[in-house]
């Protein structure tokens, strides 16, 4: 049985998480969540395309765009959680045949780099997604209020 590295899993969660790559690495190709992750990613990308085509006033686009942002932010959080997992717990879960202190579960500078990158990008994407969502929601509510008052 192959050994699963915490560093590789953290980088895959950060870089390829919205496509489920980290899930496939850790759990194999039969992982349902790994196959489900590309769905909100694709819907969010479709929402971005609708924004480019129809502008920000398109209601469907402001419902779909946050799916991409929340998926990216969630995968960045997953990368951070992987990086912060103790070697004993990592190896106990993903490398049960290995020693508790095996190198596959040890945190190194590459693991820390994945966590730092995930924290920076994930936080930025999450804040942008929340700001976009609230802005579109409140603008929609103001517009509906204007329709009612006329």
Protein backbone atom coordinates (compact mmCIF):
# COMPACT_ATOMS: atom_id res chain seq x y z
CA UNK A 1 0.00 0.00 0.00
CA UNK A 2 1.38 3.42 -0.91
CA UNK A 3 2.17 6.05 1.69
CA UNK A 4 0.32 9.36 1.57
CA UNK A 5 2.31 12.49 2.30
CA UNK A 6 0.80 15.30 4.32
CA UNK A 7 2.73 17.87 2.28
CA UNK A 8 1.46 16.52 -1.05
CA UNK A 9 -2.10 16.37 0.28
CA UNK A 10 -1.91 19.97 1.54
CA UNK A 11 -0.65 21.25 -1.82
CA UNK A 12 -3.24 19.21 -3.73
CA UNK A 13 -6.01 20.56 -1.49
CA UNK A 14 -4.82 24.12 -2.10
CA UNK A 15 -4.07 23.93 -5.83
CA UNK A 16 -6.41 21.21 -7.04
CA UNK A 17 -8.98 21.05 -4.28
CA UNK A 18 -11.90 22.44 -6.29
CA UNK A 19 -11.37 19.52 -8.67
CA UNK A 20 -11.19 16.97 -5.84
CA UNK A 21 -7.55 16.03 -6.45
CA UNK A 22 -6.67 15.82 -2.75
CA UNK A 23 -9.63 13.51 -2.13
CA UNK A 24 -8.55 11.20 -4.95
CA UNK A 25 -4.97 11.20 -3.61
CA UNK A 26 -6.07 10.27 -0.10
CA UNK A 27 -9.13 8.09 -0.70
CA UNK A 28 -8.79 6.81 -4.27
CA UNK A 29 -10.92 7.29 -7.37
CA UNK A 30 -14.00 5.83 -5.68
CA UNK A 31 -14.39 8.84 -3.37
CA UNK A 32 -17.82 10.40 -3.94
CA UNK A 33 -16.91 13.79 -2.45
CA UNK A 34 -13.94 13.94 -4.81
CA UNK A 35 -16.30 13.49 -7.75
CA UNK A 36 -18.82 15.98 -6.29
CA UNK A 37 -16.34 18.84 -5.76
CA UNK A 38 -16.08 19.80 -9.46
CA UNK A 39 -19.84 20.45 -9.62
CA UNK A 40 -19.92 23.68 -7.55
CA UNK A 41 -16.63 24.65 -9.16
CA UNK A 42 -18.10 24.33 -12.65
CA UNK A 43 -21.29 26.16 -11.63
CA UNK A 44 -19.21 29.01 -10.18
CA UNK A 45 -17.14 29.26 -13.35
CA UNK A 46 -20.38 29.35 -15.35
CA UNK A 47 -21.51 32.19 -13.07
CA UNK A 48 -18.29 34.09 -13.84
CA UNK A 49 -18.92 33.62 -17.55
CA UNK A 50 -22.45 34.98 -17.10
CA UNK A 51 -21.05 38.06 -15.31
CA UNK A 52 -18.75 38.69 -18.26
CA UNK A 53 -21.57 38.18 -20.74
CA UNK A 54 -24.54 39.83 -19.01
CA UNK A 55 -22.89 42.05 -16.39
CA UNK A 56 -23.26 42.08 -12.64
CA UNK A 57 -27.03 42.63 -12.74
CA UNK A 58 -27.63 39.04 -13.80
CA UNK A 59 -29.36 37.39 -10.84
CA UNK A 60 -28.28 33.86 -11.75
CA UNK A 61 -24.64 34.89 -11.88
CA UNK A 62 -24.65 36.35 -8.39
CA UNK A 63 -26.17 33.13 -7.13
CA UNK A 64 -23.57 30.96 -8.89
CA UNK A 65 -20.34 32.93 -8.40
CA UNK A 66 -20.22 32.37 -4.60
CA UNK A 67 -20.22 28.61 -5.18
CA UNK A 68 -16.77 28.90 -6.72
CA UNK A 69 -15.50 31.21 -3.98
CA UNK A 70 -16.76 29.05 -1.14
CA UNK A 71 -15.37 25.90 -2.78
CA UNK A 72 -11.92 27.49 -3.16
CA UNK A 73 -12.02 28.81 0.42
CA UNK A 74 -13.14 25.44 1.76
CA UNK A 75 -10.33 23.65 -0.04
CA UNK A 76 -7.83 26.19 1.28
CA UNK A 77 -9.12 25.49 4.78
CA UNK A 78 -8.71 21.78 4.13
CA UNK A 79 -5.07 22.38 3.16
CA UNK A 80 -4.53 24.24 6.44
CA UNK A 81 -6.16 21.45 8.43
CA UNK A 82 -3.99 18.85 6.69
CA UNK A 83 -0.89 20.88 7.45
CA UNK A 84 -1.77 21.26 11.13
CA UNK A 85 -2.54 17.57 11.65
CA UNK A 86 -0.06 15.88 13.98
CA UNK A 87 2.19 13.20 12.48
CA UNK A 88 0.68 10.56 14.76
CA UNK A 89 -2.85 11.36 13.68
CA UNK A 90 -1.92 11.70 9.98
CA UNK A 91 -0.05 8.42 9.84
CA UNK A 92 -2.69 6.70 11.95
CA UNK A 93 -5.39 7.70 9.50
CA UNK A 94 -3.72 7.67 6.08
CA UNK A 95 -0.66 5.46 6.65
CA UNK A 96 -1.77 2.91 9.26
CA UNK A 97 0.99 0.46 8.33
CA UNK A 98 3.71 3.08 8.93
CA UNK A 99 5.32 4.20 12.16
CA UNK A 100 3.54 7.04 13.99
CA UNK A 101 6.51 9.36 13.37
CA UNK A 102 7.05 8.36 9.72
CA UNK A 103 8.26 11.11 7.40
CA UNK A 104 4.99 11.13 5.43
CA UNK A 105 3.17 12.80 8.32
CA UNK A 106 5.88 15.22 9.42
CA UNK A 107 5.42 18.93 8.85
CA UNK A 108 8.25 20.53 6.86
CA UNK A 109 8.83 23.87 5.16
CA UNK A 110 6.92 22.82 2.05
CA UNK A 111 3.93 21.95 4.23
CA UNK A 112 4.15 25.33 5.93
CA UNK A 113 4.38 27.00 2.51
CA UNK A 114 1.15 25.29 1.47
CA UNK A 115 -0.55 26.46 4.67
CA UNK A 116 0.64 30.05 4.25
CA UNK A 117 -0.42 30.18 0.60
CA UNK A 118 -3.79 28.60 1.45
CA UNK A 119 -4.32 31.08 4.28
CA UNK A 120 -3.53 34.10 2.11
CA UNK A 121 -5.44 33.07 -1.01
CA UNK A 122 -8.28 31.33 0.81
CA UNK A 123 -8.94 34.32 3.06
CA UNK A 124 -8.85 36.74 0.14
CA UNK A 125 -11.22 34.61 -1.92
CA UNK A 126 -13.58 34.15 1.03
CA UNK A 127 -13.72 37.87 1.80
CA UNK A 128 -14.24 38.75 -1.88
CA UNK A 129 -17.00 36.16 -2.15
CA UNK A 130 -18.80 37.46 0.93
CA UNK A 131 -18.46 41.08 -0.24
CA UNK A 132 -19.74 40.23 -3.73
CA UNK A 133 -22.66 38.23 -2.34
CA UNK A 134 -23.79 40.87 0.13
CA UNK A 135 -23.37 43.69 -2.36
CA UNK A 136 -25.48 41.93 -4.99
CA UNK A 137 -28.09 40.87 -2.43
CA UNK A 138 -28.55 44.36 -0.98
CA UNK A 139 -28.61 46.00 -4.41
CA UNK A 140 -31.29 43.50 -5.43
CA UNK A 141 -33.29 44.28 -2.28
CA UNK A 142 -33.07 48.05 -2.93
CA UNK A 143 -34.25 47.54 -6.50
CA UNK A 144 -37.19 45.42 -5.36
CA UNK A 145 -38.05 48.07 -2.74
CA UNK A 146 -38.09 50.72 -5.45
CA UNK A 147 -40.45 48.61 -7.54
CA UNK A 148 -42.83 48.24 -4.60
CA UNK A 149 -42.78 51.97 -3.76
CA UNK A 150 -43.66 53.06 -7.29
